[in-house]
């Protein structure tokens, strides 16, 4: 590989890291988050507005950010 290609690859990797670092909050799903997700799911199920697991996880994560 030429020096220029390696440099471009390193720049692309750095760009991807910056992008994915914005979403690290999605990985922080501890037992407290699980309890909140259960509460949200239960409330929505009682209203007849069930949502999928992924949507529930996003809702919980954004709920945590708002604190």
Protein backbone atom coordinates (compact mmCIF):
# COMPACT_ATOMS: atom_id res chain seq x y z
CA UNK A 1 0.00 0.00 0.00
CA UNK A 2 1.24 3.44 -0.81
CA UNK A 3 1.79 6.07 1.84
CA UNK A 4 -1.13 8.18 0.51
CA UNK A 5 -3.55 5.23 0.71
CA UNK A 6 -2.53 4.49 4.29
CA UNK A 7 -3.01 8.14 5.23
CA UNK A 8 -6.50 8.18 3.66
CA UNK A 9 -7.42 4.98 5.50
CA UNK A 10 -6.28 6.46 8.82
CA UNK A 11 -8.34 9.61 8.14
CA UNK A 12 -11.43 7.50 7.33
CA UNK A 13 -11.02 5.49 10.52
CA UNK A 14 -10.67 8.69 12.56
CA UNK A 15 -13.82 10.07 10.91
CA UNK A 16 -15.75 6.89 11.71
CA UNK A 17 -14.58 6.97 15.33
CA UNK A 18 -15.79 10.56 15.73
CA UNK A 19 -19.15 9.58 14.24
CA UNK A 20 -19.67 6.51 16.41
CA UNK A 21 -18.51 8.25 19.59
CA UNK A 22 -21.70 10.32 19.36
CA UNK A 23 -23.73 7.16 20.05
CA UNK A 24 -21.90 5.69 23.05
CA UNK A 25 -24.91 6.50 25.25
CA UNK A 26 -26.75 3.66 23.49
CA UNK A 27 -24.29 1.15 24.92
CA UNK A 28 -24.90 2.23 28.52
CA UNK A 29 -27.87 0.02 29.32
CA UNK A 30 -27.46 -1.08 32.93
CA UNK A 31 -29.97 -2.59 35.38
CA UNK A 32 -31.35 0.85 36.21
CA UNK A 33 -31.99 1.46 32.51
CA UNK A 34 -33.67 -1.94 32.25
CA UNK A 35 -36.05 -1.03 35.11
CA UNK A 36 -36.96 2.26 33.45
CA UNK A 37 -37.50 0.48 30.13
CA UNK A 38 -39.79 -2.01 31.86
CA UNK A 39 -41.76 0.84 33.40
CA UNK A 40 -42.12 2.59 30.03
CA UNK A 41 -43.13 -0.64 28.30
CA UNK A 42 -45.71 -1.46 30.96
CA UNK A 43 -47.28 2.01 30.76
CA UNK A 44 -47.47 1.86 26.97
CA UNK A 45 -48.89 -1.68 26.98
CA UNK A 46 -51.65 -0.59 29.37
CA UNK A 47 -52.53 2.22 26.96
CA UNK A 48 -52.55 -0.23 24.05
CA UNK A 49 -49.54 1.46 22.47
CA UNK A 50 -46.88 -1.22 22.51
CA UNK A 51 -43.53 -0.42 20.91
CA UNK A 52 -40.69 -2.67 19.82
CA UNK A 53 -37.63 -3.43 21.89
CA UNK A 54 -35.36 -1.19 19.83
CA UNK A 55 -37.74 1.75 20.04
CA UNK A 56 -38.10 1.15 23.75
CA UNK A 57 -34.33 1.19 24.20
CA UNK A 58 -34.04 4.46 22.26
CA UNK A 59 -36.83 5.99 24.32
CA UNK A 60 -35.10 4.96 27.51
CA UNK A 61 -31.71 6.30 26.37
CA UNK A 62 -33.18 9.65 25.38
CA UNK A 63 -35.06 9.74 28.68
CA UNK A 64 -31.72 9.32 30.50
CA UNK A 65 -30.11 12.11 28.48
CA UNK A 66 -32.87 14.48 29.51
CA UNK A 67 -32.03 14.15 33.19
